[in-house]
């Protein structure tokens, strides 16, 4: 099992994306837990970059590449911890594939119990 702080790069300029000249910045970070092909990415309250929600496909793709998880086998769970004004939440993120790249399809809110079953370990 892996439990680490993961720095990720995100597209930060729509103009560059439209010109297909994607510039990346690596100053965003999350807590990342991996067990097999299941990854739980936790938004950090002090994340200085783009949120996990807004960068889901880009972050998941980088995690697959860095940790050698086949894109087609990835189970991606987005986690927001309990914070003032926000209850803890877990979302199973569904991706499609477009020319080998992940493409966001939808989020599915799941219980902590279901997240633990998918991760095959208790979450604390």
N, C-alpha and C. Protein backbone atom coordinates (compact mmCIF):
# COMPACT_ATOMS: atom_id res chain seq x y z
N UNK A 1 0.84 -1.18 0.00
CA UNK A 1 0.00 0.00 0.00
C UNK A 1 0.89 1.25 0.00
N UNK A 2 0.44 2.25 -0.71
CA UNK A 2 1.14 3.53 -0.79
C UNK A 2 0.30 4.58 -0.09
N UNK A 3 0.93 5.43 0.69
CA UNK A 3 0.28 6.58 1.32
C UNK A 3 1.29 7.72 1.26
N UNK A 4 1.03 8.70 0.40
CA UNK A 4 2.01 9.75 0.15
C UNK A 4 1.35 11.08 -0.18
N UNK A 5 2.14 12.14 -0.15
CA UNK A 5 1.73 13.41 -0.73
C UNK A 5 2.13 13.35 -2.19
N UNK A 6 1.19 13.66 -3.07
CA UNK A 6 1.43 13.56 -4.51
C UNK A 6 1.31 14.94 -5.12
N UNK A 7 2.40 15.41 -5.72
CA UNK A 7 2.38 16.69 -6.43
C UNK A 7 1.94 16.43 -7.86
N UNK A 8 0.99 17.22 -8.33
CA UNK A 8 0.49 17.01 -9.69
C UNK A 8 0.48 18.30 -10.49
N UNK A 9 0.57 18.12 -11.80
CA UNK A 9 0.54 19.23 -12.73
C UNK A 9 -0.85 19.34 -13.32
N UNK A 10 -1.26 20.56 -13.62
CA UNK A 10 -2.60 20.78 -14.18
C UNK A 10 -2.53 21.78 -15.33
N UNK A 11 -3.38 21.57 -16.35
CA UNK A 11 -3.47 22.59 -17.40
C UNK A 11 -3.99 23.87 -16.76
N UNK A 12 -3.35 24.99 -16.98
CA UNK A 12 -3.77 26.20 -16.29
C UNK A 12 -4.18 27.34 -17.20
N UNK A 13 -4.18 27.10 -18.50
CA UNK A 13 -4.53 28.18 -19.39
C UNK A 13 -5.37 27.63 -20.53
N UNK A 14 -6.63 28.00 -20.59
CA UNK A 14 -7.54 27.48 -21.61
C UNK A 14 -7.03 27.78 -23.01
N UNK A 15 -6.47 28.96 -23.21
CA UNK A 15 -5.93 29.33 -24.52
C UNK A 15 -4.88 28.31 -24.97
N UNK A 16 -3.99 27.93 -24.07
CA UNK A 16 -2.96 26.94 -24.41
C UNK A 16 -3.59 25.59 -24.74
N UNK A 17 -4.62 25.22 -24.00
CA UNK A 17 -5.29 23.96 -24.27
C UNK A 17 -5.92 23.97 -25.66
N UNK A 18 -6.58 25.07 -25.99
CA UNK A 18 -7.22 25.17 -27.29
C UNK A 18 -6.20 25.15 -28.42
N UNK A 19 -5.01 25.67 -28.17
CA UNK A 19 -3.94 25.66 -29.16
C UNK A 19 -3.17 24.35 -29.14
N UNK A 20 -3.58 23.43 -28.27
CA UNK A 20 -2.93 22.13 -28.09
C UNK A 20 -1.47 22.29 -27.69
N UNK A 21 -1.19 23.36 -27.00
CA UNK A 21 0.15 23.59 -26.45
C UNK A 21 -0.03 23.67 -24.95
N UNK A 22 -0.23 22.52 -24.32
CA UNK A 22 -0.60 22.48 -22.91
C UNK A 22 0.61 22.78 -22.04
N UNK A 23 0.47 23.77 -21.20
CA UNK A 23 1.50 24.09 -20.22
C UNK A 23 1.03 23.52 -18.89
N UNK A 24 1.94 22.97 -18.15
CA UNK A 24 1.57 22.33 -16.89
C UNK A 24 2.27 23.00 -15.73
N UNK A 25 1.60 23.01 -14.62
CA UNK A 25 2.22 23.50 -13.39
C UNK A 25 2.15 22.39 -12.36
N UNK A 26 3.19 22.23 -11.58
CA UNK A 26 3.25 21.11 -10.65
C UNK A 26 3.11 21.52 -9.21
N UNK A 27 2.41 22.62 -8.95
CA UNK A 27 2.36 23.10 -7.57
C UNK A 27 1.12 22.64 -6.82
N UNK A 28 0.28 21.83 -7.43
CA UNK A 28 -0.89 21.31 -6.73
C UNK A 28 -0.50 19.99 -6.05
N UNK A 29 -1.19 19.67 -4.96
CA UNK A 29 -0.87 18.41 -4.28
C UNK A 29 -2.09 17.86 -3.55
N UNK A 30 -2.04 16.56 -3.35
CA UNK A 30 -3.11 15.86 -2.64
C UNK A 30 -2.47 14.73 -1.83
N UNK A 31 -3.26 14.17 -0.93
CA UNK A 31 -2.84 12.93 -0.28
C UNK A 31 -3.29 11.81 -1.20
N UNK A 32 -2.41 10.87 -1.44
CA UNK A 32 -2.72 9.78 -2.35
C UNK A 32 -2.47 8.45 -1.64
N UNK A 33 -3.52 7.61 -1.63
CA UNK A 33 -3.40 6.25 -1.09
C UNK A 33 -3.71 5.29 -2.23
N UNK A 34 -2.86 4.30 -2.40
CA UNK A 34 -3.04 3.32 -3.47
C UNK A 34 -2.95 1.93 -2.87
N UNK A 35 -3.90 1.10 -3.24
CA UNK A 35 -3.88 -0.32 -2.89
C UNK A 35 -4.26 -1.08 -4.15
N UNK A 36 -3.30 -1.73 -4.78
CA UNK A 36 -3.56 -2.40 -6.04
C UNK A 36 -3.87 -1.39 -7.12
N UNK A 37 -5.03 -1.53 -7.75
CA UNK A 37 -5.43 -0.59 -8.80
C UNK A 37 -6.43 0.45 -8.30
N UNK A 38 -6.63 0.52 -6.99
CA UNK A 38 -7.55 1.50 -6.40
C UNK A 38 -6.76 2.64 -5.78
N UNK A 39 -7.14 3.85 -6.16
CA UNK A 39 -6.47 5.05 -5.65
C UNK A 39 -7.50 5.95 -4.99
N UNK A 40 -7.14 6.46 -3.82
CA UNK A 40 -7.97 7.46 -3.14
C UNK A 40 -7.15 8.74 -3.06
N UNK A 41 -7.66 9.77 -3.71
CA UNK A 41 -7.01 11.08 -3.71
C UNK A 41 -7.79 11.99 -2.78
N UNK A 42 -7.11 12.54 -1.79
CA UNK A 42 -7.75 13.40 -0.79
C UNK A 42 -7.34 14.84 -1.01
N UNK A 43 -8.33 15.70 -1.14
CA UNK A 43 -8.08 17.15 -1.27
C UNK A 43 -7.51 17.65 0.05
N UNK A 44 -6.42 18.39 -0.03
CA UNK A 44 -5.80 18.96 1.16
C UNK A 44 -6.29 20.39 1.37
N UNK A 45 -6.53 20.78 2.63
CA UNK A 45 -7.03 22.14 2.87
C UNK A 45 -6.03 23.21 2.44
N UNK A 46 -4.75 22.86 2.39
CA UNK A 46 -3.74 23.85 2.00
C UNK A 46 -3.20 23.61 0.59
N UNK A 47 -3.96 22.91 -0.25
CA UNK A 47 -3.56 22.67 -1.64
C UNK A 47 -3.42 24.02 -2.34
N UNK A 48 -2.21 24.36 -2.82
CA UNK A 48 -2.01 25.67 -3.44
C UNK A 48 -2.44 25.74 -4.90
N UNK A 49 -2.82 24.59 -5.48
CA UNK A 49 -3.14 24.57 -6.91
C UNK A 49 -4.59 24.22 -7.17
N UNK A 50 -4.84 23.76 -8.39
CA UNK A 50 -6.18 23.40 -8.84
C UNK A 50 -6.72 22.25 -8.00
N UNK A 51 -8.01 22.29 -7.69
CA UNK A 51 -8.63 21.25 -6.87
C UNK A 51 -8.66 19.91 -7.60
N UNK A 52 -8.78 18.85 -6.82
CA UNK A 52 -8.91 17.51 -7.39
C UNK A 52 -10.12 17.42 -8.31
N UNK A 53 -11.21 18.02 -7.90
CA UNK A 53 -12.43 17.96 -8.71
C UNK A 53 -12.19 18.55 -10.09
N UNK A 54 -11.53 19.69 -10.14
CA UNK A 54 -11.30 20.37 -11.42
C UNK A 54 -10.19 19.73 -12.24
N UNK A 55 -9.35 18.93 -11.61
CA UNK A 55 -8.21 18.33 -12.32
C UNK A 55 -8.26 16.81 -12.30
N UNK A 56 -9.44 16.23 -12.07
CA UNK A 56 -9.56 14.78 -11.84
C UNK A 56 -8.88 13.94 -12.92
N UNK A 57 -9.20 14.17 -14.17
CA UNK A 57 -8.64 13.34 -15.24
C UNK A 57 -7.13 13.50 -15.34
N UNK A 58 -6.64 14.74 -15.23
CA UNK A 58 -5.20 14.99 -15.32
C UNK A 58 -4.45 14.32 -14.17
N UNK A 59 -4.99 14.42 -12.96
CA UNK A 59 -4.33 13.83 -11.80
C UNK A 59 -4.34 12.30 -11.91
N UNK A 60 -5.49 11.74 -12.24
CA UNK A 60 -5.59 10.28 -12.36
C UNK A 60 -4.63 9.75 -13.42
N UNK A 61 -4.50 10.46 -14.52
CA UNK A 61 -3.59 10.03 -15.58
C UNK A 61 -2.14 10.03 -15.08
N UNK A 62 -1.77 11.08 -14.36
CA UNK A 62 -0.41 11.16 -13.83
C UNK A 62 -0.14 10.06 -12.80
N UNK A 63 -1.14 9.76 -11.98
CA UNK A 63 -1.00 8.68 -10.99
C UNK A 63 -0.80 7.35 -11.71
N UNK A 64 -1.59 7.10 -12.76
CA UNK A 64 -1.43 5.86 -13.52
C UNK A 64 -0.03 5.75 -14.10
N UNK A 65 0.46 6.84 -14.67
CA UNK A 65 1.79 6.81 -15.28
C UNK A 65 2.88 6.62 -14.22
N UNK A 66 2.81 7.39 -13.15
CA UNK A 66 3.86 7.36 -12.13
C UNK A 66 3.89 6.04 -11.37
N UNK A 67 2.71 5.48 -11.09
CA UNK A 67 2.63 4.25 -10.29
C UNK A 67 2.35 3.01 -11.13
N UNK A 68 2.42 3.17 -12.46
CA UNK A 68 2.27 2.05 -13.39
C UNK A 68 0.98 1.26 -13.18
N UNK A 69 -0.11 1.99 -13.10
CA UNK A 69 -1.44 1.38 -13.01
C UNK A 69 -2.07 1.46 -14.40
N UNK A 70 -2.48 0.34 -14.98
CA UNK A 70 -3.14 0.41 -16.28
C UNK A 70 -4.40 1.29 -16.20
N UNK A 71 -4.50 2.22 -17.13
CA UNK A 71 -5.62 3.16 -17.14
C UNK A 71 -6.95 2.42 -17.11
N UNK A 72 -7.05 1.34 -17.86
CA UNK A 72 -8.31 0.60 -17.96
C UNK A 72 -8.69 -0.12 -16.66
N UNK A 73 -7.73 -0.25 -15.73
CA UNK A 73 -7.99 -0.96 -14.47
C UNK A 73 -8.12 -0.04 -13.27
N UNK A 74 -7.93 1.25 -13.47
CA UNK A 74 -7.94 2.20 -12.36
C UNK A 74 -9.32 2.34 -11.72
N UNK A 75 -9.37 2.28 -10.40
CA UNK A 75 -10.56 2.65 -9.63
C UNK A 75 -10.15 3.92 -8.88
N UNK A 76 -10.80 5.04 -9.19
CA UNK A 76 -10.41 6.37 -8.68
C UNK A 76 -11.49 6.88 -7.73
N UNK A 77 -11.08 7.16 -6.50
CA UNK A 77 -12.00 7.70 -5.50
C UNK A 77 -11.49 9.06 -5.07
N UNK A 78 -12.35 10.04 -5.16
CA UNK A 78 -12.02 11.40 -4.73
C UNK A 78 -12.57 11.58 -3.32
N UNK A 79 -11.74 12.07 -2.42
CA UNK A 79 -12.12 12.20 -1.01
C UNK A 79 -11.94 13.64 -0.55
N UNK A 80 -12.97 14.17 0.08
CA UNK A 80 -12.88 15.46 0.75
C UNK A 80 -13.08 15.20 2.23
N UNK A 81 -12.10 15.56 3.06
CA UNK A 81 -12.21 15.28 4.50
C UNK A 81 -13.22 16.20 5.18
N UNK A 82 -13.59 15.81 6.38
CA UNK A 82 -14.50 16.61 7.20
C UNK A 82 -13.80 17.92 7.56
N UNK A 83 -14.40 19.02 7.18
CA UNK A 83 -13.85 20.36 7.45
C UNK A 83 -15.00 21.23 7.96
N UNK A 84 -14.69 22.33 8.61
CA UNK A 84 -15.76 23.25 9.01
C UNK A 84 -16.59 23.66 7.78
N UNK A 85 -17.88 23.43 7.87
CA UNK A 85 -18.78 23.78 6.77
C UNK A 85 -18.86 22.75 5.66
N UNK A 86 -18.15 21.65 5.79
CA UNK A 86 -18.16 20.61 4.75
C UNK A 86 -18.03 19.24 5.39
N UNK A 87 -18.98 18.36 5.11
CA UNK A 87 -18.92 17.00 5.64
C UNK A 87 -17.99 16.15 4.77
N UNK A 88 -17.41 15.13 5.38
CA UNK A 88 -16.56 14.21 4.64
C UNK A 88 -17.35 13.58 3.50
N UNK A 89 -16.70 13.45 2.35
CA UNK A 89 -17.38 12.82 1.22
C UNK A 89 -16.40 11.98 0.41
N UNK A 90 -16.96 10.96 -0.23
CA UNK A 90 -16.23 10.07 -1.12
C UNK A 90 -17.01 9.99 -2.43
N UNK A 91 -16.30 10.12 -3.53
CA UNK A 91 -16.92 10.00 -4.85
C UNK A 91 -16.11 9.04 -5.70
N UNK A 92 -16.80 8.06 -6.27
CA UNK A 92 -16.19 7.17 -7.25
C UNK A 92 -16.25 7.92 -8.57
N UNK A 93 -15.09 8.15 -9.17
CA UNK A 93 -15.03 8.94 -10.40
C UNK A 93 -14.94 7.98 -11.57
N UNK A 94 -15.87 8.14 -12.51
CA UNK A 94 -15.92 7.28 -13.69
C UNK A 94 -15.26 8.01 -14.86
N UNK A 95 -14.32 7.32 -15.49
CA UNK A 95 -13.61 7.87 -16.64
C UNK A 95 -13.89 7.02 -17.86
N UNK A 96 -13.83 7.66 -19.00
CA UNK A 96 -13.78 6.97 -20.27
C UNK A 96 -12.36 7.13 -20.79
N UNK A 97 -12.13 6.67 -21.99
CA UNK A 97 -10.80 6.80 -22.58
C UNK A 97 -10.93 7.42 -23.95
N UNK A 98 -10.02 8.32 -24.26
CA UNK A 98 -10.00 8.98 -25.57
C UNK A 98 -8.56 8.98 -26.05
N UNK A 99 -8.26 8.12 -27.02
CA UNK A 99 -6.89 7.99 -27.54
C UNK A 99 -5.88 7.73 -26.42
N UNK A 100 -6.23 6.86 -25.48
CA UNK A 100 -5.32 6.50 -24.40
C UNK A 100 -5.28 7.47 -23.24
N UNK A 101 -6.04 8.56 -23.32
CA UNK A 101 -6.11 9.53 -22.23
C UNK A 101 -7.43 9.38 -21.49
N UNK A 102 -7.40 9.64 -20.21
CA UNK A 102 -8.63 9.58 -19.42
C UNK A 102 -9.52 10.77 -19.73
N UNK A 103 -10.80 10.50 -19.79
CA UNK A 103 -11.80 11.53 -20.05
C UNK A 103 -12.87 11.40 -18.96
N UNK A 104 -13.09 12.47 -18.23
CA UNK A 104 -14.06 12.45 -17.13
C UNK A 104 -15.47 12.21 -17.66
N UNK A 105 -16.18 11.27 -17.02
CA UNK A 105 -17.57 11.01 -17.40
C UNK A 105 -18.54 11.44 -16.31
N UNK A 106 -18.30 11.00 -15.07
CA UNK A 106 -19.23 11.39 -14.00
C UNK A 106 -18.66 11.01 -12.63
N UNK A 107 -19.24 11.64 -11.62
CA UNK A 107 -18.92 11.33 -10.23
C UNK A 107 -20.11 10.57 -9.64
N UNK A 108 -19.83 9.61 -8.77
CA UNK A 108 -20.87 8.86 -8.06
C UNK A 108 -20.57 8.94 -6.57
N UNK A 109 -21.43 9.61 -5.82
CA UNK A 109 -21.24 9.71 -4.37
C UNK A 109 -21.37 8.32 -3.78
N UNK A 110 -20.40 7.94 -2.95
CA UNK A 110 -20.44 6.63 -2.29
C UNK A 110 -20.21 6.82 -0.79
N UNK A 111 -20.57 5.81 -0.04
CA UNK A 111 -20.36 5.85 1.41
C UNK A 111 -18.90 5.53 1.74
N UNK A 112 -18.51 5.87 2.94
CA UNK A 112 -17.16 5.52 3.40
C UNK A 112 -17.00 4.00 3.42
N UNK A 113 -18.06 3.28 3.81
CA UNK A 113 -18.01 1.82 3.82
C UNK A 113 -17.71 1.26 2.43
N UNK A 114 -18.37 1.82 1.41
CA UNK A 114 -18.13 1.35 0.04
C UNK A 114 -16.70 1.70 -0.39
N UNK A 115 -16.22 2.89 -0.02
CA UNK A 115 -14.85 3.27 -0.35
C UNK A 115 -13.87 2.28 0.28
N UNK A 116 -14.12 1.90 1.52
CA UNK A 116 -13.24 0.93 2.20
C UNK A 116 -13.30 -0.44 1.53
N UNK A 117 -14.48 -0.84 1.08
CA UNK A 117 -14.60 -2.14 0.38
C UNK A 117 -13.81 -2.11 -0.94
N UNK A 118 -13.93 -1.01 -1.68
CA UNK A 118 -13.20 -0.90 -2.94
C UNK A 118 -11.69 -0.84 -2.70
N UNK A 119 -11.28 -0.16 -1.63
CA UNK A 119 -9.86 0.01 -1.31
C UNK A 119 -9.28 -1.23 -0.62
N UNK A 120 -10.17 -2.04 -0.05
CA UNK A 120 -9.79 -3.28 0.65
C UNK A 120 -8.95 -3.03 1.89
N UNK A 121 -9.13 -1.86 2.49
CA UNK A 121 -8.44 -1.49 3.73
C UNK A 121 -9.31 -0.48 4.46
N UNK A 122 -9.25 -0.43 5.79
CA UNK A 122 -9.96 0.63 6.52
C UNK A 122 -9.32 1.99 6.24
N UNK A 123 -10.14 3.00 6.22
CA UNK A 123 -9.66 4.37 5.98
C UNK A 123 -9.74 5.16 7.26
N UNK A 124 -8.66 5.82 7.60
CA UNK A 124 -8.66 6.66 8.80
C UNK A 124 -8.23 8.07 8.45
